Amino acid sequence: MAEALQRLEEKIAYLERHVGEQDKAMLEMAMQLDRLRQELVTVRDRMAEPKTDTSPVSEKPPHY
């Protein structure tokens, strides 16, 4: 009986550690997803801005 109880305690300890690791990984992924969403909003905002680039590099030479 004591041996069976020992095995159950080991399994519970392993599962508790595993769940803790999964929680940590999920938190990291959620934070990364939030950062990526914010970057996407920034990129979309930049793409929506009108193009007002009047630098000489963007202008065509007179012979075109």
N, C-alpha and C. Protein backbone atom coordinates (compact mmCIF):
# COMPACT_ATOMS: atom_id res chain seq x y z
N MET A 1 0.82 -1.20 0.00
CA MET A 1 0.00 0.00 0.00
C MET A 1 0.86 1.26 0.00
N ALA A 2 1.92 1.24 0.79
CA ALA A 2 2.80 2.40 0.87
C ALA A 2 3.47 2.67 -0.47
N GLU A 3 3.81 1.59 -1.20
CA GLU A 3 4.46 1.75 -2.50
C GLU A 3 3.50 2.39 -3.51
N ALA A 4 2.25 1.99 -3.49
CA ALA A 4 1.25 2.56 -4.39
C ALA A 4 1.03 4.03 -4.07
N LEU A 5 1.01 4.36 -2.80
CA LEU A 5 0.85 5.75 -2.39
C LEU A 5 2.05 6.58 -2.84
N GLN A 6 3.24 6.01 -2.72
CA GLN A 6 4.47 6.69 -3.17
C GLN A 6 4.39 6.99 -4.67
N ARG A 7 3.97 6.00 -5.46
CA ARG A 7 3.87 6.21 -6.91
C ARG A 7 2.85 7.29 -7.24
N LEU A 8 1.73 7.29 -6.55
CA LEU A 8 0.71 8.32 -6.79
C LEU A 8 1.24 9.71 -6.45
N GLU A 9 1.98 9.81 -5.34
CA GLU A 9 2.56 11.10 -4.96
C GLU A 9 3.57 11.58 -6.00
N GLU A 10 4.35 10.66 -6.55
CA GLU A 10 5.33 11.02 -7.59
C GLU A 10 4.61 11.49 -8.85
N LYS A 11 3.55 10.80 -9.22
CA LYS A 11 2.79 11.20 -10.40
C LYS A 11 2.16 12.58 -10.21
N ILE A 12 1.62 12.82 -9.03
CA ILE A 12 1.01 14.13 -8.76
C ILE A 12 2.06 15.22 -8.82
N ALA A 13 3.22 14.96 -8.24
CA ALA A 13 4.30 15.96 -8.27
C ALA A 13 4.72 16.24 -9.71
N TYR A 14 4.85 15.20 -10.52
CA TYR A 14 5.22 15.37 -11.93
C TYR A 14 4.16 16.18 -12.66
N LEU A 15 2.89 15.84 -12.45
CA LEU A 15 1.81 16.54 -13.14
C LEU A 15 1.71 18.00 -12.70
N GLU A 16 1.92 18.26 -11.43
CA GLU A 16 1.90 19.65 -10.95
C GLU A 16 3.02 20.46 -11.60
N ARG A 17 4.22 19.87 -11.69
CA ARG A 17 5.33 20.55 -12.34
C ARG A 17 5.03 20.80 -13.82
N HIS A 18 4.46 19.80 -14.46
CA HIS A 18 4.13 19.90 -15.88
C HIS A 18 3.09 21.01 -16.13
N VAL A 19 2.08 21.06 -15.30
CA VAL A 19 1.05 22.09 -15.43
C VAL A 19 1.66 23.47 -15.22
N GLY A 20 2.56 23.61 -14.26
CA GLY A 20 3.24 24.88 -14.02
C GLY A 20 4.04 25.32 -15.24
N GLU A 21 4.74 24.37 -15.86
CA GLU A 21 5.52 24.69 -17.06
C GLU A 21 4.60 25.11 -18.21
N GLN A 22 3.48 24.43 -18.34
CA GLN A 22 2.54 24.78 -19.40
C GLN A 22 1.95 26.17 -19.16
N ASP A 23 1.63 26.49 -17.92
CA ASP A 23 1.11 27.83 -17.60
C ASP A 23 2.12 28.90 -17.98
N LYS A 24 3.38 28.66 -17.67
CA LYS A 24 4.44 29.62 -18.00
C LYS A 24 4.55 29.80 -19.51
N ALA A 25 4.51 28.69 -20.25
CA ALA A 25 4.60 28.76 -21.71
C ALA A 25 3.40 29.50 -22.30
N MET A 26 2.22 29.26 -21.77
CA MET A 26 1.02 29.94 -22.27
C MET A 26 1.09 31.44 -21.99
N LEU A 27 1.60 31.82 -20.83
CA LEU A 27 1.75 33.23 -20.50
C LEU A 27 2.73 33.90 -21.47
N GLU A 28 3.85 33.24 -21.75
CA GLU A 28 4.83 33.79 -22.69
C GLU A 28 4.22 33.95 -24.08
N MET A 29 3.46 32.96 -24.52
CA MET A 29 2.83 33.04 -25.84
C MET A 29 1.78 34.15 -25.89
N ALA A 30 1.03 34.32 -24.82
CA ALA A 30 0.03 35.38 -24.77
C ALA A 30 0.70 36.76 -24.84
N MET A 31 1.82 36.90 -24.14
CA MET A 31 2.54 38.18 -24.17
C MET A 31 3.11 38.44 -25.57
N GLN A 32 3.64 37.41 -26.21
CA GLN A 32 4.16 37.56 -27.56
C GLN A 32 3.03 37.90 -28.53
N LEU A 33 1.89 37.29 -28.37
CA LEU A 33 0.75 37.58 -29.23
C LEU A 33 0.30 39.03 -29.07
N ASP A 34 0.30 39.52 -27.84
CA ASP A 34 -0.05 40.93 -27.61
C ASP A 34 0.93 41.86 -28.31
N ARG A 35 2.24 41.54 -28.22
CA ARG A 35 3.24 42.37 -28.90
C ARG A 35 3.04 42.34 -30.41
N LEU A 36 2.77 41.17 -30.95
CA LEU A 36 2.57 41.05 -32.39
C LEU A 36 1.31 41.80 -32.85
N ARG A 37 0.27 41.74 -32.05
CA ARG A 37 -0.94 42.49 -32.39
C ARG A 37 -0.66 43.98 -32.42
N GLN A 38 0.10 44.46 -31.44
CA GLN A 38 0.43 45.89 -31.39
C GLN A 38 1.28 46.28 -32.60
N GLU A 39 2.24 45.43 -32.97
CA GLU A 39 3.05 45.70 -34.16
C GLU A 39 2.17 45.73 -35.41
N LEU A 40 1.22 44.84 -35.50
CA LEU A 40 0.32 44.80 -36.65
C LEU A 40 -0.49 46.09 -36.75
N VAL A 41 -0.99 46.58 -35.62
CA VAL A 41 -1.72 47.84 -35.61
C VAL A 41 -0.83 48.97 -36.10
N THR A 42 0.42 48.99 -35.64
CA THR A 42 1.36 50.03 -36.06
C THR A 42 1.61 49.96 -37.56
N VAL A 43 1.81 48.77 -38.08
CA VAL A 43 2.05 48.62 -39.52
C VAL A 43 0.82 49.03 -40.32
N ARG A 44 -0.35 48.64 -39.87
CA ARG A 44 -1.58 49.02 -40.57
C ARG A 44 -1.76 50.53 -40.57
N ASP A 45 -1.45 51.17 -39.44
CA ASP A 45 -1.57 52.62 -39.37
C ASP A 45 -0.60 53.29 -40.35
N ARG A 46 0.62 52.76 -40.42
CA ARG A 46 1.59 53.33 -41.35
C ARG A 46 1.16 53.14 -42.80
N MET A 47 0.59 51.99 -43.10
CA MET A 47 0.14 51.71 -44.47
C MET A 47 -1.04 52.60 -44.84
N ALA A 48 -1.84 53.00 -43.87
CA ALA A 48 -3.01 53.81 -44.15
C ALA A 48 -2.66 55.28 -44.34
N GLU A 49 -1.49 55.69 -43.89
CA GLU A 49 -1.08 57.08 -44.04
C GLU A 49 -0.83 57.38 -45.53
N PRO A 50 -1.24 58.56 -45.97
CA PRO A 50 -0.99 58.91 -47.37
C PRO A 50 0.51 59.06 -47.63
N LYS A 51 0.90 58.72 -48.82
CA LYS A 51 2.31 58.83 -49.21
C LYS A 51 2.60 60.28 -49.56
N THR A 52 3.52 60.88 -48.86
CA THR A 52 3.92 62.27 -49.13
C THR A 52 5.42 62.35 -49.29
N ASP A 53 5.99 61.33 -49.89
CA ASP A 53 7.44 61.28 -50.08
C ASP A 53 7.83 62.12 -51.29
N THR A 54 8.45 63.23 -51.06
CA THR A 54 8.87 64.12 -52.16
C THR A 54 10.38 64.20 -52.23
N SER A 55 11.05 63.18 -51.73
CA SER A 55 12.51 63.19 -51.78
C SER A 55 12.97 63.02 -53.22
N PRO A 56 14.16 63.53 -53.54
CA PRO A 56 14.67 63.40 -54.92
C PRO A 56 14.78 61.95 -55.38
N VAL A 57 14.94 61.02 -54.49
CA VAL A 57 15.06 59.62 -54.86
C VAL A 57 13.76 59.11 -55.44
N SER A 58 12.62 59.59 -54.96
CA SER A 58 11.34 59.11 -55.44
C SER A 58 10.87 59.82 -56.72
N GLU A 59 11.51 60.92 -57.07
CA GLU A 59 11.11 61.66 -58.28
C GLU A 59 11.79 61.07 -59.50
N LYS A 60 11.06 61.03 -60.62
CA LYS A 60 11.64 60.53 -61.86
C LYS A 60 12.46 61.64 -62.51
N PRO A 61 13.50 61.27 -63.21
CA PRO A 61 14.30 62.27 -63.92
C PRO A 61 13.44 62.97 -65.00
N PRO A 62 13.83 64.18 -65.42
CA PRO A 62 13.03 64.94 -66.38
C PRO A 62 12.81 64.25 -67.73
N HIS A 63 13.70 63.39 -68.16
CA HIS A 63 13.56 62.77 -69.48
C HIS A 63 12.55 61.63 -69.50
N TYR A 64 11.89 61.31 -68.40
CA TYR A 64 10.87 60.26 -68.40
C TYR A 64 9.51 60.81 -68.68
